[in-house]
Amino acid sequence: MAKKPKLNELHDSYRAVFNTKDGERVLEHLSKVCFLDVTSFTPGDPHSTSFKEGQRSIVLQILKFIERDPKEILRLVAGETYE
């Protein structure tokens, strides 16, 4: 059985991944497609709302782990488009 990483080691791993140029690009994309900058509410469809909020929650957890402010990421993605 693999050794479970300590919480600070896990934080370090997240930072190592997301503090690279590629990691920044992925984080910016996740922030856009996982409803960080728009509402996750879907009128009349609580299941869709719950699903979208779950996606949003993951991005917020990543930002918390790497100690980044969601507003900072939103400023980075403003006007950015992905093909």
N, C-alpha and C. Protein backbone atom coordinates (compact mmCIF):
# COMPACT_ATOMS: atom_id res chain seq x y z
N MET A 1 0.85 -1.18 0.00
CA MET A 1 0.00 0.00 0.00
C MET A 1 0.89 1.24 0.00
N ALA A 2 0.56 2.21 -0.84
CA ALA A 2 1.35 3.44 -0.97
C ALA A 2 1.22 4.30 0.29
N LYS A 3 2.33 4.95 0.62
CA LYS A 3 2.35 5.85 1.77
C LYS A 3 1.49 7.07 1.47
N LYS A 4 0.62 7.41 2.39
CA LYS A 4 -0.24 8.58 2.24
C LYS A 4 0.58 9.85 2.48
N PRO A 5 0.56 10.81 1.53
CA PRO A 5 1.36 12.02 1.72
C PRO A 5 0.81 12.88 2.84
N LYS A 6 1.70 13.55 3.53
CA LYS A 6 1.28 14.49 4.55
C LYS A 6 0.65 15.69 3.86
N LEU A 7 -0.21 16.38 4.59
CA LEU A 7 -0.96 17.49 4.01
C LEU A 7 -0.04 18.55 3.42
N ASN A 8 1.05 18.91 4.12
CA ASN A 8 1.95 19.93 3.59
C ASN A 8 2.68 19.43 2.34
N GLU A 9 2.95 18.12 2.25
CA GLU A 9 3.56 17.57 1.04
C GLU A 9 2.56 17.63 -0.11
N LEU A 10 1.29 17.40 0.18
CA LEU A 10 0.26 17.48 -0.84
C LEU A 10 0.11 18.91 -1.35
N HIS A 11 0.14 19.87 -0.45
CA HIS A 11 0.10 21.28 -0.84
C HIS A 11 1.30 21.60 -1.74
N ASP A 12 2.46 21.12 -1.38
CA ASP A 12 3.66 21.34 -2.19
C ASP A 12 3.51 20.74 -3.58
N SER A 13 2.90 19.57 -3.65
CA SER A 13 2.68 18.92 -4.94
C SER A 13 1.72 19.73 -5.81
N TYR A 14 0.65 20.22 -5.22
CA TYR A 14 -0.29 21.06 -5.96
C TYR A 14 0.42 22.31 -6.48
N ARG A 15 1.20 22.95 -5.62
CA ARG A 15 1.93 24.15 -6.04
C ARG A 15 2.91 23.83 -7.17
N ALA A 16 3.60 22.70 -7.07
CA ALA A 16 4.56 22.33 -8.11
C ALA A 16 3.86 22.14 -9.45
N VAL A 17 2.67 21.61 -9.43
CA VAL A 17 1.92 21.39 -10.68
C VAL A 17 1.35 22.69 -11.23
N PHE A 18 0.68 23.47 -10.39
CA PHE A 18 -0.07 24.62 -10.86
C PHE A 18 0.72 25.92 -10.91
N ASN A 19 1.94 25.93 -10.41
CA ASN A 19 2.76 27.14 -10.49
C ASN A 19 3.74 27.09 -11.67
N THR A 20 3.43 26.26 -12.65
CA THR A 20 4.19 26.24 -13.90
C THR A 20 3.35 26.95 -14.97
N LYS A 21 3.97 27.25 -16.08
CA LYS A 21 3.23 27.90 -17.17
C LYS A 21 2.08 27.01 -17.65
N ASP A 22 2.35 25.72 -17.83
CA ASP A 22 1.29 24.80 -18.25
C ASP A 22 0.21 24.67 -17.17
N GLY A 23 0.64 24.60 -15.93
CA GLY A 23 -0.31 24.51 -14.83
C GLY A 23 -1.21 25.74 -14.74
N GLU A 24 -0.63 26.91 -14.96
CA GLU A 24 -1.42 28.16 -14.98
C GLU A 24 -2.46 28.11 -16.09
N ARG A 25 -2.05 27.64 -17.26
CA ARG A 25 -2.96 27.56 -18.40
C ARG A 25 -4.12 26.61 -18.08
N VAL A 26 -3.81 25.46 -17.51
CA VAL A 26 -4.85 24.49 -17.14
C VAL A 26 -5.77 25.08 -16.08
N LEU A 27 -5.21 25.74 -15.09
CA LEU A 27 -6.01 26.34 -14.02
C LEU A 27 -6.93 27.43 -14.57
N GLU A 28 -6.42 28.24 -15.47
CA GLU A 28 -7.25 29.27 -16.09
C GLU A 28 -8.41 28.63 -16.86
N HIS A 29 -8.11 27.56 -17.60
CA HIS A 29 -9.15 26.88 -18.36
C HIS A 29 -10.19 26.26 -17.42
N LEU A 30 -9.74 25.57 -16.40
CA LEU A 30 -10.67 24.98 -15.43
C LEU A 30 -11.55 26.05 -14.79
N SER A 31 -10.96 27.20 -14.51
CA SER A 31 -11.73 28.29 -13.90
C SER A 31 -12.85 28.75 -14.82
N LYS A 32 -12.59 28.75 -16.10
CA LYS A 32 -13.62 29.17 -17.07
C LYS A 32 -14.69 28.10 -17.25
N VAL A 33 -14.31 26.86 -17.43
CA VAL A 33 -15.29 25.82 -17.76
C VAL A 33 -15.99 25.25 -16.53
N CYS A 34 -15.51 25.59 -15.34
CA CYS A 34 -16.11 25.06 -14.11
C CYS A 34 -16.82 26.14 -13.31
N PHE A 35 -17.28 27.17 -13.99
CA PHE A 35 -18.21 28.15 -13.42
C PHE A 35 -17.65 28.99 -12.29
N LEU A 36 -16.34 29.25 -12.32
CA LEU A 36 -15.77 30.11 -11.29
C LEU A 36 -16.23 31.55 -11.48
N ASP A 37 -16.41 31.95 -12.74
CA ASP A 37 -16.74 33.35 -13.02
C ASP A 37 -18.21 33.60 -13.36
N VAL A 38 -19.01 32.55 -13.41
CA VAL A 38 -20.44 32.70 -13.69
C VAL A 38 -21.23 31.82 -12.72
N THR A 39 -22.52 32.08 -12.65
CA THR A 39 -23.36 31.30 -11.75
C THR A 39 -23.44 29.84 -12.20
N SER A 40 -23.52 28.96 -11.24
CA SER A 40 -23.69 27.55 -11.55
C SER A 40 -25.16 27.16 -11.45
N PHE A 41 -26.01 28.10 -11.12
CA PHE A 41 -27.44 27.84 -10.95
C PHE A 41 -28.11 27.61 -12.30
N THR A 42 -28.86 26.52 -12.40
CA THR A 42 -29.65 26.22 -13.59
C THR A 42 -31.12 26.24 -13.17
N PRO A 43 -31.88 27.26 -13.57
CA PRO A 43 -33.28 27.36 -13.16
C PRO A 43 -34.07 26.09 -13.51
N GLY A 44 -34.79 25.58 -12.52
CA GLY A 44 -35.64 24.42 -12.73
C GLY A 44 -34.92 23.08 -12.80
N ASP A 45 -33.62 23.07 -12.61
CA ASP A 45 -32.87 21.81 -12.70
C ASP A 45 -31.85 21.71 -11.56
N PRO A 46 -32.33 21.27 -10.39
CA PRO A 46 -31.42 21.19 -9.24
C PRO A 46 -30.27 20.20 -9.44
N HIS A 47 -30.48 19.18 -10.26
CA HIS A 47 -29.41 18.20 -10.50
C HIS A 47 -28.26 18.84 -11.28
N SER A 48 -28.60 19.61 -12.30
CA SER A 48 -27.58 20.31 -13.08
C SER A 48 -26.85 21.33 -12.22
N THR A 49 -27.62 22.05 -11.40
CA THR A 49 -27.00 23.02 -10.50
C THR A 49 -26.01 22.33 -9.56
N SER A 50 -26.42 21.21 -9.00
CA SER A 50 -25.53 20.47 -8.08
C SER A 50 -24.28 19.98 -8.79
N PHE A 51 -24.44 19.48 -10.01
CA PHE A 51 -23.30 19.01 -10.78
C PHE A 51 -22.32 20.14 -11.06
N LYS A 52 -22.84 21.27 -11.52
CA LYS A 52 -21.99 22.42 -11.83
C LYS A 52 -21.31 22.95 -10.56
N GLU A 53 -22.03 22.97 -9.45
CA GLU A 53 -21.44 23.46 -8.21
C GLU A 53 -20.33 22.52 -7.73
N GLY A 54 -20.48 21.23 -8.01
CA GLY A 54 -19.42 20.27 -7.69
C GLY A 54 -18.16 20.56 -8.49
N GLN A 55 -18.32 20.87 -9.79
CA GLN A 55 -17.16 21.24 -10.61
C GLN A 55 -16.50 22.49 -10.06
N ARG A 56 -17.30 23.47 -9.74
CA ARG A 56 -16.79 24.75 -9.21
C ARG A 56 -16.04 24.52 -7.90
N SER A 57 -16.57 23.64 -7.09
CA SER A 57 -15.96 23.33 -5.79
C SER A 57 -14.54 22.79 -5.94
N ILE A 58 -14.32 21.96 -6.96
CA ILE A 58 -12.98 21.40 -7.20
C ILE A 58 -11.97 22.50 -7.51
N VAL A 59 -12.36 23.43 -8.39
CA VAL A 59 -11.45 24.53 -8.74
C VAL A 59 -11.15 25.37 -7.50
N LEU A 60 -12.17 25.66 -6.71
CA LEU A 60 -11.94 26.44 -5.48
C LEU A 60 -11.01 25.70 -4.52
N GLN A 61 -11.14 24.38 -4.44
CA GLN A 61 -10.25 23.59 -3.57
C GLN A 61 -8.81 23.66 -4.05
N ILE A 62 -8.61 23.56 -5.36
CA ILE A 62 -7.26 23.67 -5.92
C ILE A 62 -6.67 25.04 -5.57
N LEU A 63 -7.46 26.10 -5.78
CA LEU A 63 -6.98 27.45 -5.47
C LEU A 63 -6.63 27.58 -4.00
N LYS A 64 -7.43 26.97 -3.14
CA LYS A 64 -7.14 27.01 -1.70
C LYS A 64 -5.82 26.29 -1.41
N PHE A 65 -5.61 25.15 -2.03
CA PHE A 65 -4.39 24.38 -1.80
C PHE A 65 -3.15 25.14 -2.23
N ILE A 66 -3.24 25.89 -3.31
CA ILE A 66 -2.06 26.61 -3.79
C ILE A 66 -2.04 28.06 -3.31
N GLU A 67 -2.98 28.37 -2.42
CA GLU A 67 -3.06 29.68 -1.78
C GLU A 67 -3.16 30.81 -2.80
N ARG A 68 -4.11 30.66 -3.73
CA ARG A 68 -4.37 31.68 -4.74
C ARG A 68 -5.78 32.21 -4.55
N ASP A 69 -5.93 33.49 -4.75
CA ASP A 69 -7.23 34.15 -4.64
C ASP A 69 -8.00 33.92 -5.94
N PRO A 70 -9.24 33.40 -5.87
CA PRO A 70 -10.02 33.20 -7.09
C PRO A 70 -10.14 34.48 -7.93
N LYS A 71 -10.20 35.64 -7.29
CA LYS A 71 -10.31 36.90 -8.03
C LYS A 71 -9.06 37.15 -8.88
N GLU A 72 -7.91 36.71 -8.40
CA GLU A 72 -6.67 36.84 -9.15
C GLU A 72 -6.73 36.00 -10.43
N ILE A 73 -7.23 34.80 -10.31
CA ILE A 73 -7.36 33.92 -11.47
C ILE A 73 -8.37 34.49 -12.46
N LEU A 74 -9.47 35.03 -11.95
CA LEU A 74 -10.48 35.61 -12.84
C LEU A 74 -9.92 36.79 -13.62
N ARG A 75 -9.04 37.57 -12.99
CA ARG A 75 -8.41 38.68 -13.71
C ARG A 75 -7.53 38.16 -14.84
N LEU A 76 -6.88 37.02 -14.62
CA LEU A 76 -6.02 36.42 -15.63
C LEU A 76 -6.82 35.92 -16.83
N VAL A 77 -7.99 35.36 -16.57
CA VAL A 77 -8.77 34.76 -17.65
C VAL A 77 -9.69 35.74 -18.36
N ALA A 78 -9.80 36.95 -17.85
CA ALA A 78 -10.69 37.93 -18.48
C ALA A 78 -10.27 38.14 -19.93
N GLY A 79 -11.19 37.92 -20.83
CA GLY A 79 -10.92 38.12 -22.24
C GLY A 79 -10.18 36.99 -22.92
N GLU A 80 -9.73 36.00 -22.20
CA GLU A 80 -9.00 34.85 -22.78
C GLU A 80 -9.97 33.89 -23.44
N THR A 81 -9.63 33.39 -24.60
CA THR A 81 -10.46 32.39 -25.26
C THR A 81 -9.64 31.16 -25.52
N TYR A 82 -10.30 30.02 -25.54
CA TYR A 82 -9.65 28.73 -25.79
C TYR A 82 -10.27 28.11 -27.01
N GLU A 83 -9.46 27.50 -27.82
CA GLU A 83 -9.95 26.86 -29.04
C GLU A 83 -10.22 25.39 -28.80
